[in-house]
Amino acid sequence: MDDNEREGRLAAGFAAGDERCTEAVYRRWRPLVHSLARRALGDEREAEDVTQQVFLAAWRGRGRYRPGPGGLGAWLTGITRHKVADALEARARRARAVEAAARALSCGAQRSGSLPHPEPERTVDRVVVLGELARLPSAQQQVLHLAFYADLTQAQIADRTGLPLGTVKSHMRRALHQLRRSLPAGAPALR
């Protein structure tokens, strides 16, 4: 059996949901997907998240896979491009939100001659935390947002996002660890 036949059988098995073929697809194309994501994003953690999202999307959409030029590798590359674009857009949205918060804070201070909030330390702490949150990969931000603002459990987050529970727990752990490392002393405590 030549390489084209082997790849065709692997792709057919993957599309049919065969677990061994799925593992083989992951082992074979994960390095390509990860390197494309890392090169485009410039961040190892974000690249890992995008890689996981690509294979999750491929698994969910495997029934729509149709062999074409470039085979399964080209299909996965296309999914990777979309997920990278989503990650870059999320990054840009976070940056815009942080800039808007900083502008609002400085405009309020200029209008009133002082900081607009009766407790200026809390306002500054909030801006610092929002800035650090904006640096997290989008998947980690989403998990923290759902946990702290929507008051969902990790199991509920997994249900709502479609992510495996272990992935939700990993995102939460990594995000909180990163925030603890990056926030300056005296910033609001993370519980």
N, C-alpha and C. Protein backbone atom coordinates (compact mmCIF):
# COMPACT_ATOMS: atom_id res chain seq x y z
N MET A 1 0.85 -1.17 0.00
CA MET A 1 0.00 0.00 0.00
C MET A 1 0.90 1.24 0.00
N ASP A 2 0.62 2.19 -0.91
CA ASP A 2 1.45 3.39 -0.98
C ASP A 2 0.94 4.45 0.00
N ASP A 3 1.66 5.58 0.09
CA ASP A 3 1.32 6.63 1.04
C ASP A 3 -0.05 7.23 0.79
N ASN A 4 -0.41 7.41 -0.48
CA ASN A 4 -1.72 7.99 -0.80
C ASN A 4 -2.86 7.10 -0.34
N GLU A 5 -2.70 5.79 -0.55
CA GLU A 5 -3.73 4.85 -0.10
C GLU A 5 -3.84 4.85 1.42
N ARG A 6 -2.68 4.85 2.08
CA ARG A 6 -2.66 4.85 3.55
C ARG A 6 -3.35 6.12 4.10
N GLU A 7 -3.02 7.25 3.48
CA GLU A 7 -3.62 8.51 3.93
C GLU A 7 -5.13 8.50 3.66
N GLY A 8 -5.53 7.95 2.52
CA GLY A 8 -6.96 7.86 2.20
C GLY A 8 -7.71 7.01 3.20
N ARG A 9 -7.14 5.89 3.59
CA ARG A 9 -7.79 5.02 4.59
C ARG A 9 -7.84 5.69 5.96
N LEU A 10 -6.75 6.38 6.28
CA LEU A 10 -6.70 7.10 7.55
C LEU A 10 -7.78 8.18 7.60
N ALA A 11 -7.91 8.94 6.52
CA ALA A 11 -8.92 10.00 6.44
C ALA A 11 -10.33 9.40 6.50
N ALA A 12 -10.55 8.30 5.80
CA ALA A 12 -11.87 7.66 5.81
C ALA A 12 -12.21 7.15 7.21
N GLY A 13 -11.22 6.56 7.88
CA GLY A 13 -11.43 6.08 9.25
C GLY A 13 -11.72 7.23 10.20
N PHE A 14 -10.99 8.32 10.03
CA PHE A 14 -11.23 9.51 10.85
C PHE A 14 -12.65 10.02 10.64
N ALA A 15 -13.05 10.17 9.38
CA ALA A 15 -14.39 10.68 9.06
C ALA A 15 -15.47 9.77 9.62
N ALA A 16 -15.17 8.47 9.70
CA ALA A 16 -16.15 7.50 10.23
C ALA A 16 -16.14 7.46 11.75
N GLY A 17 -15.17 8.14 12.39
CA GLY A 17 -15.13 8.17 13.85
C GLY A 17 -14.30 7.08 14.47
N ASP A 18 -13.46 6.40 13.69
CA ASP A 18 -12.61 5.35 14.21
C ASP A 18 -11.57 5.96 15.17
N GLU A 19 -11.54 5.47 16.39
CA GLU A 19 -10.67 6.04 17.43
C GLU A 19 -9.18 5.90 17.09
N ARG A 20 -8.79 4.75 16.57
CA ARG A 20 -7.37 4.56 16.22
C ARG A 20 -6.95 5.49 15.09
N CYS A 21 -7.81 5.67 14.12
CA CYS A 21 -7.51 6.60 13.02
C CYS A 21 -7.43 8.04 13.54
N THR A 22 -8.31 8.37 14.46
CA THR A 22 -8.30 9.71 15.03
C THR A 22 -6.99 9.97 15.76
N GLU A 23 -6.53 8.99 16.54
CA GLU A 23 -5.24 9.13 17.23
C GLU A 23 -4.10 9.29 16.22
N ALA A 24 -4.15 8.51 15.16
CA ALA A 24 -3.10 8.58 14.13
C ALA A 24 -3.12 9.93 13.42
N VAL A 25 -4.32 10.46 13.15
CA VAL A 25 -4.45 11.77 12.52
C VAL A 25 -3.85 12.83 13.44
N TYR A 26 -4.15 12.75 14.72
CA TYR A 26 -3.62 13.72 15.68
C TYR A 26 -2.09 13.64 15.72
N ARG A 27 -1.56 12.46 15.84
CA ARG A 27 -0.09 12.31 15.89
C ARG A 27 0.57 12.82 14.62
N ARG A 28 -0.06 12.57 13.49
CA ARG A 28 0.55 12.94 12.22
C ARG A 28 0.50 14.44 11.95
N TRP A 29 -0.65 15.08 12.21
CA TRP A 29 -0.81 16.49 11.81
C TRP A 29 -0.72 17.49 12.95
N ARG A 30 -0.64 17.03 14.18
CA ARG A 30 -0.51 17.97 15.30
C ARG A 30 0.72 18.86 15.15
N PRO A 31 1.90 18.34 14.83
CA PRO A 31 3.06 19.23 14.70
C PRO A 31 2.85 20.33 13.65
N LEU A 32 2.22 20.00 12.54
CA LEU A 32 1.97 21.01 11.51
C LEU A 32 1.00 22.07 12.02
N VAL A 33 -0.11 21.64 12.60
CA VAL A 33 -1.12 22.57 13.10
C VAL A 33 -0.51 23.47 14.17
N HIS A 34 0.23 22.87 15.10
CA HIS A 34 0.83 23.64 16.19
C HIS A 34 1.85 24.65 15.67
N SER A 35 2.68 24.25 14.72
CA SER A 35 3.69 25.19 14.21
C SER A 35 3.04 26.34 13.45
N LEU A 36 1.98 26.07 12.70
CA LEU A 36 1.26 27.15 12.01
C LEU A 36 0.67 28.13 13.02
N ALA A 37 0.06 27.60 14.06
CA ALA A 37 -0.55 28.46 15.09
C ALA A 37 0.51 29.25 15.84
N ARG A 38 1.60 28.61 16.21
CA ARG A 38 2.66 29.30 16.96
C ARG A 38 3.28 30.40 16.12
N ARG A 39 3.51 30.12 14.86
CA ARG A 39 4.11 31.12 13.98
C ARG A 39 3.18 32.32 13.81
N ALA A 40 1.90 32.07 13.66
CA ALA A 40 0.94 33.16 13.44
C ALA A 40 0.67 33.96 14.72
N LEU A 41 0.65 33.29 15.86
CA LEU A 41 0.26 33.95 17.11
C LEU A 41 1.45 34.44 17.93
N GLY A 42 2.60 33.79 17.77
CA GLY A 42 3.78 34.20 18.53
C GLY A 42 3.68 33.89 20.01
N ASP A 43 2.82 32.98 20.39
CA ASP A 43 2.63 32.66 21.81
C ASP A 43 2.40 31.16 21.94
N GLU A 44 3.25 30.51 22.70
CA GLU A 44 3.20 29.05 22.83
C GLU A 44 1.87 28.58 23.44
N ARG A 45 1.43 29.23 24.51
CA ARG A 45 0.18 28.79 25.16
C ARG A 45 -1.02 28.98 24.24
N GLU A 46 -1.06 30.11 23.57
CA GLU A 46 -2.16 30.35 22.64
C GLU A 46 -2.13 29.34 21.51
N ALA A 47 -0.93 29.00 21.04
CA ALA A 47 -0.79 28.01 19.97
C ALA A 47 -1.29 26.64 20.44
N GLU A 48 -1.01 26.29 21.69
CA GLU A 48 -1.51 25.02 22.24
C GLU A 48 -3.04 25.03 22.28
N ASP A 49 -3.61 26.15 22.72
CA ASP A 49 -5.07 26.25 22.78
C ASP A 49 -5.68 26.14 21.38
N VAL A 50 -5.09 26.84 20.42
CA VAL A 50 -5.60 26.80 19.05
C VAL A 50 -5.48 25.38 18.48
N THR A 51 -4.36 24.72 18.75
CA THR A 51 -4.16 23.36 18.27
C THR A 51 -5.27 22.45 18.81
N GLN A 52 -5.57 22.59 20.08
CA GLN A 52 -6.63 21.78 20.68
C GLN A 52 -7.98 22.12 20.04
N GLN A 53 -8.23 23.41 19.81
CA GLN A 53 -9.48 23.83 19.19
C GLN A 53 -9.61 23.29 17.77
N VAL A 54 -8.50 23.24 17.04
CA VAL A 54 -8.52 22.74 15.66
C VAL A 54 -8.95 21.27 15.64
N PHE A 55 -8.34 20.47 16.49
CA PHE A 55 -8.66 19.04 16.47
C PHE A 55 -10.05 18.77 17.04
N LEU A 56 -10.49 19.60 17.98
CA LEU A 56 -11.85 19.46 18.47
C LEU A 56 -12.85 19.81 17.36
N ALA A 57 -12.58 20.90 16.65
CA ALA A 57 -13.46 21.29 15.53
C ALA A 57 -13.43 20.24 14.43
N ALA A 58 -12.25 19.68 14.16
CA ALA A 58 -12.15 18.64 13.13
C ALA A 58 -12.96 17.41 13.54
N TRP A 59 -12.86 17.03 14.80
CA TRP A 59 -13.60 15.87 15.29
C TRP A 59 -15.11 16.11 15.16
N ARG A 60 -15.54 17.30 15.58
CA ARG A 60 -16.97 17.61 15.50
C ARG A 60 -17.46 17.70 14.06
N GLY A 61 -16.59 18.17 13.16
CA GLY A 61 -16.99 18.35 11.77
C GLY A 61 -16.54 17.23 10.85
N ARG A 62 -16.10 16.12 11.41
CA ARG A 62 -15.53 15.03 10.59
C ARG A 62 -16.51 14.48 9.57
N GLY A 63 -17.79 14.56 9.88
CA GLY A 63 -18.81 14.06 8.95
C GLY A 63 -18.90 14.90 7.68
N ARG A 64 -18.41 16.14 7.75
CA ARG A 64 -18.45 17.03 6.58
C ARG A 64 -17.16 16.97 5.77
N TYR A 65 -16.17 16.21 6.25
CA TYR A 65 -14.90 16.12 5.52
C TYR A 65 -15.12 15.41 4.19
N ARG A 66 -14.62 16.03 3.14
CA ARG A 66 -14.66 15.42 1.80
C ARG A 66 -13.24 15.47 1.24
N PRO A 67 -12.71 14.33 0.83
CA PRO A 67 -11.36 14.32 0.29
C PRO A 67 -11.24 15.29 -0.89
N GLY A 68 -10.14 15.98 -0.94
CA GLY A 68 -9.91 16.93 -2.01
C GLY A 68 -8.41 17.10 -2.20
N PRO A 69 -8.02 18.08 -2.98
CA PRO A 69 -6.59 18.32 -3.18
C PRO A 69 -5.92 18.61 -1.84
N GLY A 70 -4.86 17.92 -1.57
CA GLY A 70 -4.14 18.13 -0.32
C GLY A 70 -4.62 17.23 0.80
N GLY A 71 -5.77 16.59 0.63
CA GLY A 71 -6.28 15.63 1.59
C GLY A 71 -6.60 16.23 2.95
N LEU A 72 -6.50 15.38 3.94
CA LEU A 72 -6.85 15.74 5.31
C LEU A 72 -5.94 16.84 5.85
N GLY A 73 -4.67 16.83 5.47
CA GLY A 73 -3.74 17.87 5.91
C GLY A 73 -4.18 19.26 5.47
N ALA A 74 -4.65 19.39 4.25
CA ALA A 74 -5.12 20.68 3.75
C ALA A 74 -6.39 21.11 4.48
N TRP A 75 -7.27 20.15 4.75
CA TRP A 75 -8.50 20.45 5.48
C TRP A 75 -8.17 20.96 6.88
N LEU A 76 -7.25 20.28 7.57
CA LEU A 76 -6.85 20.71 8.91
C LEU A 76 -6.15 22.07 8.88
N THR A 77 -5.38 22.33 7.83
CA THR A 77 -4.72 23.62 7.69
C THR A 77 -5.76 24.73 7.54
N GLY A 78 -6.82 24.46 6.80
CA GLY A 78 -7.90 25.44 6.65
C GLY A 78 -8.57 25.74 7.98
N ILE A 79 -8.84 24.69 8.76
CA ILE A 79 -9.44 24.88 10.09
C ILE A 79 -8.49 25.70 10.95
N THR A 80 -7.20 25.41 10.85
CA THR A 80 -6.19 26.13 11.64
C THR A 80 -6.22 27.61 11.30
N ARG A 81 -6.28 27.94 10.03
CA ARG A 81 -6.34 29.35 9.64
C ARG A 81 -7.54 30.07 10.26
N HIS A 82 -8.67 29.40 10.25
CA HIS A 82 -9.87 30.01 10.84
C HIS A 82 -9.71 30.20 12.35
N LYS A 83 -9.18 29.20 13.03
CA LYS A 83 -9.01 29.29 14.49
C LYS A 83 -7.97 30.35 14.85
N VAL A 84 -6.91 30.45 14.06
CA VAL A 84 -5.90 31.50 14.29
C VAL A 84 -6.53 32.87 14.10
N ALA A 85 -7.32 33.03 13.04
CA ALA A 85 -7.99 34.31 12.80
C ALA A 85 -8.91 34.65 13.97
N ASP A 86 -9.63 33.67 14.49
CA ASP A 86 -10.50 33.90 15.65
C ASP A 86 -9.67 34.35 16.86
N ALA A 87 -8.53 33.70 17.08
CA ALA A 87 -7.67 34.05 18.22
C ALA A 87 -7.11 35.46 18.07
N LEU A 88 -6.71 35.83 16.86
CA LEU A 88 -6.18 37.17 16.63
C LEU A 88 -7.27 38.23 16.81
N GLU A 89 -8.47 37.94 16.36
CA GLU A 89 -9.58 38.88 16.54
C GLU A 89 -9.92 39.03 18.02
N ALA A 90 -9.91 37.93 18.76
CA ALA A 90 -10.18 37.99 20.20
C ALA A 90 -9.11 38.82 20.89
N ARG A 91 -7.88 38.65 20.48
CA ARG A 91 -6.77 39.42 21.05
C ARG A 91 -6.98 40.91 20.77
N ALA A 92 -7.38 41.24 19.56
CA ALA A 92 -7.61 42.65 19.20
C ALA A 92 -8.78 43.22 20.00
N ARG A 93 -9.85 42.43 20.18
CA ARG A 93 -11.00 42.89 20.98
C ARG A 93 -10.58 43.18 22.41
N ARG A 94 -9.76 42.29 22.97
CA ARG A 94 -9.29 42.50 24.35
C ARG A 94 -8.46 43.78 24.45
N ALA A 95 -7.59 43.99 23.48
CA ALA A 95 -6.76 45.19 23.50
C ALA A 95 -7.62 46.45 23.39
N ARG A 96 -8.64 46.40 22.53
CA ARG A 96 -9.54 47.56 22.40
C ARG A 96 -10.29 47.81 23.70
N ALA A 97 -10.71 46.77 24.37
CA ALA A 97 -11.44 46.93 25.63
C ALA A 97 -10.55 47.53 26.71
N VAL A 98 -9.31 47.09 26.77
CA VAL A 98 -8.38 47.64 27.75
C VAL A 98 -8.10 49.11 27.46
N GLU A 99 -7.90 49.44 26.18
CA GLU A 99 -7.66 50.83 25.80
C GLU A 99 -8.87 51.70 26.14
N ALA A 100 -10.06 51.19 25.88
CA ALA A 100 -11.27 51.96 26.18
C ALA A 100 -11.40 52.19 27.68
N ALA A 101 -11.10 51.17 28.48
CA ALA A 101 -11.17 51.32 29.94
C ALA A 101 -10.15 52.34 30.42
N ALA A 102 -8.95 52.29 29.85
CA ALA A 102 -7.91 53.25 30.24
C ALA A 102 -8.31 54.67 29.84
N ARG A 103 -8.88 54.83 28.65
CA ARG A 103 -9.33 56.16 28.21
C ARG A 103 -10.45 56.68 29.11
N ALA A 104 -11.39 55.82 29.43
CA ALA A 104 -12.50 56.23 30.29
C ALA A 104 -11.99 56.65 31.67
N LEU A 105 -11.02 55.92 32.17
CA LEU A 105 -10.45 56.25 33.47
C LEU A 105 -9.74 57.60 33.42
N SER A 106 -8.95 57.83 32.37
CA SER A 106 -8.20 59.09 32.29
C SER A 106 -9.13 60.26 31.97
N CYS A 107 -10.17 60.05 31.17
CA CYS A 107 -11.13 61.14 30.87
C CYS A 107 -11.89 61.53 32.13
N GLY A 108 -12.31 60.57 32.90
CA GLY A 108 -13.02 60.86 34.15
C GLY A 108 -12.14 61.62 35.11
N ALA A 109 -10.88 61.28 35.16
CA ALA A 109 -9.96 61.95 36.06
C ALA A 109 -9.73 63.39 35.62
N GLN A 110 -9.67 63.62 34.31
CA GLN A 110 -9.44 64.98 33.80
C GLN A 110 -10.67 65.84 34.03
N ARG A 111 -11.87 65.30 33.84
CA ARG A 111 -13.09 66.09 34.01
C ARG A 111 -13.30 66.52 35.46
N SER A 112 -13.08 65.61 36.37
CA SER A 112 -13.37 65.92 37.76
C SER A 112 -12.17 66.44 38.53
N GLY A 113 -11.01 66.38 37.92
CA GLY A 113 -9.81 66.82 38.61
C GLY A 113 -9.25 65.74 39.51
N SER A 114 -9.94 64.65 39.62
CA SER A 114 -9.46 63.50 40.40
C SER A 114 -10.03 62.25 39.76
N LEU A 115 -9.69 61.12 40.30
CA LEU A 115 -10.23 59.88 39.77
C LEU A 115 -11.73 59.84 40.02
N PRO A 116 -12.52 59.30 39.06
CA PRO A 116 -13.97 59.38 39.13
C PRO A 116 -14.61 58.54 40.22
N HIS A 117 -13.98 57.55 40.71
CA HIS A 117 -14.56 56.62 41.67
C HIS A 117 -14.21 57.07 43.08
N PRO A 118 -15.13 56.97 44.00
CA PRO A 118 -14.81 57.38 45.36
C PRO A 118 -13.68 56.55 45.98
N GLU A 119 -13.42 55.38 45.45
CA GLU A 119 -12.33 54.53 45.93
C GLU A 119 -11.35 54.33 44.78
N PRO A 120 -10.44 55.26 44.54
CA PRO A 120 -9.58 55.19 43.36
C PRO A 120 -8.72 53.93 43.30
N GLU A 121 -8.34 53.40 44.46
CA GLU A 121 -7.50 52.19 44.44
C GLU A 121 -8.24 51.04 43.78
N ARG A 122 -9.54 50.94 44.03
CA ARG A 122 -10.32 49.86 43.43
C ARG A 122 -10.40 50.01 41.92
N THR A 123 -10.53 51.24 41.45
CA THR A 123 -10.61 51.49 40.01
C THR A 123 -9.29 51.12 39.34
N VAL A 124 -8.20 51.53 39.93
CA VAL A 124 -6.88 51.21 39.38
C VAL A 124 -6.66 49.70 39.40
N ASP A 125 -7.03 49.06 40.51
CA ASP A 125 -6.90 47.60 40.59
C ASP A 125 -7.69 46.93 39.48
N ARG A 126 -8.89 47.43 39.24
CA ARG A 126 -9.73 46.84 38.19
C ARG A 126 -9.08 46.97 36.82
N VAL A 127 -8.52 48.13 36.51
CA VAL A 127 -7.86 48.33 35.23
C VAL A 127 -6.64 47.41 35.11
N VAL A 128 -5.89 47.26 36.19
CA VAL A 128 -4.71 46.38 36.17
C VAL A 128 -5.14 44.93 35.91
N VAL A 129 -6.17 44.49 36.63
CA VAL A 129 -6.65 43.12 36.45
C VAL A 129 -7.18 42.92 35.03
N LEU A 130 -7.96 43.89 34.53
CA LEU A 130 -8.47 43.77 33.16
C LEU A 130 -7.34 43.71 32.14
N GLY A 131 -6.29 44.46 32.37
CA GLY A 131 -5.14 44.43 31.48
C GLY A 131 -4.47 43.07 31.47
N GLU A 132 -4.32 42.48 32.64
CA GLU A 132 -3.71 41.15 32.72
C GLU A 132 -4.64 40.08 32.14
N LEU A 133 -5.92 40.23 32.36
CA LEU A 133 -6.88 39.30 31.75
C LEU A 133 -6.80 39.35 30.23
N ALA A 134 -6.60 40.54 29.69
CA ALA A 134 -6.53 40.70 28.24
C ALA A 134 -5.33 39.99 27.64
N ARG A 135 -4.34 39.72 28.45
CA ARG A 135 -3.14 39.03 27.95
C ARG A 135 -3.31 37.52 27.89
N LEU A 136 -4.33 37.01 28.55
CA LEU A 136 -4.56 35.57 28.55
C LEU A 136 -5.10 35.11 27.20
N PRO A 137 -4.83 33.87 26.83
CA PRO A 137 -5.45 33.32 25.61
C PRO A 137 -6.98 33.37 25.73
N SER A 138 -7.64 33.49 24.59
CA SER A 138 -9.09 33.70 24.60
C SER A 138 -9.85 32.57 25.30
N ALA A 139 -9.41 31.33 25.15
CA ALA A 139 -10.12 30.22 25.79
C ALA A 139 -10.06 30.35 27.31
N GLN A 140 -8.91 30.77 27.83
CA GLN A 140 -8.77 30.94 29.28
C GLN A 140 -9.62 32.11 29.76
N GLN A 141 -9.66 33.18 28.98
CA GLN A 141 -10.50 34.33 29.34
C GLN A 141 -11.96 33.92 29.40
N GLN A 142 -12.38 33.14 28.41
CA GLN A 142 -13.77 32.72 28.36
C GLN A 142 -14.13 31.90 29.60
N VAL A 143 -13.26 30.97 29.97
CA VAL A 143 -13.52 30.12 31.14
C VAL A 143 -13.59 30.97 32.41
N LEU A 144 -12.65 31.90 32.58
CA LEU A 144 -12.68 32.75 33.77
C LEU A 144 -13.95 33.63 33.79
N HIS A 145 -14.29 34.17 32.64
CA HIS A 145 -15.49 35.01 32.56
C HIS A 145 -16.73 34.22 32.97
N LEU A 146 -16.87 33.01 32.45
CA LEU A 146 -18.04 32.20 32.78
C LEU A 146 -18.04 31.79 34.26
N ALA A 147 -16.85 31.55 34.81
CA ALA A 147 -16.77 31.15 36.21
C ALA A 147 -17.06 32.31 37.15
N PHE A 148 -16.47 33.47 36.90
CA PHE A 148 -16.55 34.57 37.85
C PHE A 148 -17.69 35.54 37.57
N TYR A 149 -18.05 35.75 36.32
CA TYR A 149 -19.11 36.70 36.01
C TYR A 149 -20.47 36.02 35.81
N ALA A 150 -20.45 34.83 35.22
CA ALA A 150 -21.71 34.10 35.03
C ALA A 150 -21.96 33.12 36.17
N ASP A 151 -20.98 32.99 37.08
CA ASP A 151 -21.10 32.14 38.26
C ASP A 151 -21.44 30.70 37.91
N LEU A 152 -20.75 30.17 36.88
CA LEU A 152 -20.97 28.79 36.48
C LEU A 152 -19.91 27.88 37.08
N THR A 153 -20.28 26.63 37.33
CA THR A 153 -19.30 25.64 37.76
C THR A 153 -18.48 25.19 36.56
N GLN A 154 -17.40 24.48 36.81
CA GLN A 154 -16.58 24.00 35.70
C GLN A 154 -17.37 23.03 34.82
N ALA A 155 -18.20 22.21 35.42
CA ALA A 155 -19.03 21.28 34.63
C ALA A 155 -20.02 22.05 33.76
N GLN A 156 -20.61 23.12 34.30
CA GLN A 156 -21.53 23.93 33.52
C GLN A 156 -20.81 24.65 32.38
N ILE A 157 -19.58 25.09 32.65
CA ILE A 157 -18.77 25.74 31.61
C ILE A 157 -18.49 24.75 30.49
N ALA A 158 -18.14 23.52 30.86
CA ALA A 158 -17.88 22.49 29.85
C ALA A 158 -19.12 22.25 29.00
N ASP A 159 -20.29 22.18 29.64
CA ASP A 159 -21.53 22.00 28.89
C ASP A 159 -21.81 23.16 27.95
N ARG A 160 -21.63 24.38 28.47
CA ARG A 160 -21.95 25.57 27.67
C ARG A 160 -20.99 25.74 26.50
N THR A 161 -19.69 25.48 26.71
CA THR A 161 -18.70 25.73 25.66
C THR A 161 -18.46 24.52 24.76
N GLY A 162 -18.82 23.34 25.23
CA GLY A 162 -18.55 22.13 24.46
C GLY A 162 -17.13 21.63 24.66
N LEU A 163 -16.38 22.26 25.56
CA LEU A 163 -15.02 21.81 25.85
C LEU A 163 -15.08 20.64 26.83
N PRO A 164 -14.13 19.73 26.75
CA PRO A 164 -14.07 18.66 27.75
C PRO A 164 -13.83 19.26 29.14
N LEU A 165 -14.37 18.62 30.17
CA LEU A 165 -14.23 19.12 31.53
C LEU A 165 -12.76 19.27 31.91
N GLY A 166 -11.92 18.32 31.53
CA GLY A 166 -10.49 18.41 31.84
C GLY A 166 -9.85 19.64 31.21
N THR A 167 -10.29 20.00 30.03
CA THR A 167 -9.77 21.19 29.35
C THR A 167 -10.20 22.45 30.10
N VAL A 168 -11.45 22.48 30.53
CA VAL A 168 -11.94 23.63 31.30
C VAL A 168 -11.11 23.79 32.57
N LYS A 169 -10.87 22.68 33.27
CA LYS A 169 -10.08 22.74 34.50
C LYS A 169 -8.65 23.21 34.22
N SER A 170 -8.07 22.72 33.13
CA SER A 170 -6.71 23.14 32.76
C SER A 170 -6.66 24.63 32.43
N HIS A 171 -7.65 25.11 31.66
CA HIS A 171 -7.69 26.53 31.32
C HIS A 171 -7.81 27.37 32.60
N MET A 172 -8.67 26.94 33.50
CA MET A 172 -8.87 27.68 34.75
C MET A 172 -7.58 27.72 35.56
N ARG A 173 -6.95 26.57 35.71
CA ARG A 173 -5.72 26.49 36.51
C ARG A 173 -4.61 27.34 35.90
N ARG A 174 -4.41 27.21 34.58
CA ARG A 174 -3.35 27.98 33.91
C ARG A 174 -3.63 29.48 34.00
N ALA A 175 -4.88 29.88 33.80
CA ALA A 175 -5.23 31.30 33.82
C ALA A 175 -4.99 31.89 35.21
N LEU A 176 -5.46 31.21 36.24
CA LEU A 176 -5.27 31.73 37.59
C LEU A 176 -3.79 31.76 37.97
N HIS A 177 -3.05 30.75 37.57
CA HIS A 177 -1.61 30.73 37.84
C HIS A 177 -0.92 31.91 37.15
N GLN A 178 -1.27 32.15 35.90
CA GLN A 178 -0.66 33.26 35.15
C GLN A 178 -1.02 34.60 35.79
N LEU A 179 -2.26 34.76 36.19
CA LEU A 179 -2.67 36.02 36.83
C LEU A 179 -1.94 36.23 38.16
N ARG A 180 -1.80 35.17 38.93
CA ARG A 180 -1.07 35.30 40.20
C ARG A 180 0.38 35.71 39.98
N ARG A 181 0.99 35.17 38.92
CA ARG A 181 2.39 35.51 38.61
C ARG A 181 2.53 36.92 38.09
N SER A 182 1.56 37.37 37.29
CA SER A 182 1.74 38.63 36.58
C SER A 182 1.19 39.85 37.31
N LEU A 183 0.26 39.67 38.23
CA LEU A 183 -0.30 40.82 38.93
C LEU A 183 0.71 41.34 39.95
N PRO A 184 0.83 42.66 40.04
CA PRO A 184 1.77 43.23 41.00
C PRO A 184 1.30 43.00 42.44
N ALA A 185 2.25 43.08 43.36
CA ALA A 185 1.91 42.94 44.77
C ALA A 185 0.93 44.04 45.13
N GLY A 186 -0.06 43.68 45.91
CA GLY A 186 -1.05 44.66 46.32
C GLY A 186 -2.26 44.70 45.40
N ALA A 187 -2.23 43.97 44.29
CA ALA A 187 -3.39 43.90 43.40
C ALA A 187 -4.45 43.07 44.10
N PRO A 188 -5.69 43.14 43.65
CA PRO A 188 -6.75 42.39 44.32
C PRO A 188 -6.45 40.89 44.35
N ALA A 189 -6.77 40.26 45.45
CA ALA A 189 -6.49 38.83 45.60
C ALA A 189 -7.43 38.03 44.69
N LEU A 190 -6.88 36.97 44.12
CA LEU A 190 -7.68 36.05 43.31
C LEU A 190 -8.06 34.88 44.17
N ARG A 191 -9.34 34.59 44.22
CA ARG A 191 -9.80 33.47 45.05
C ARG A 191 -10.23 32.34 44.16
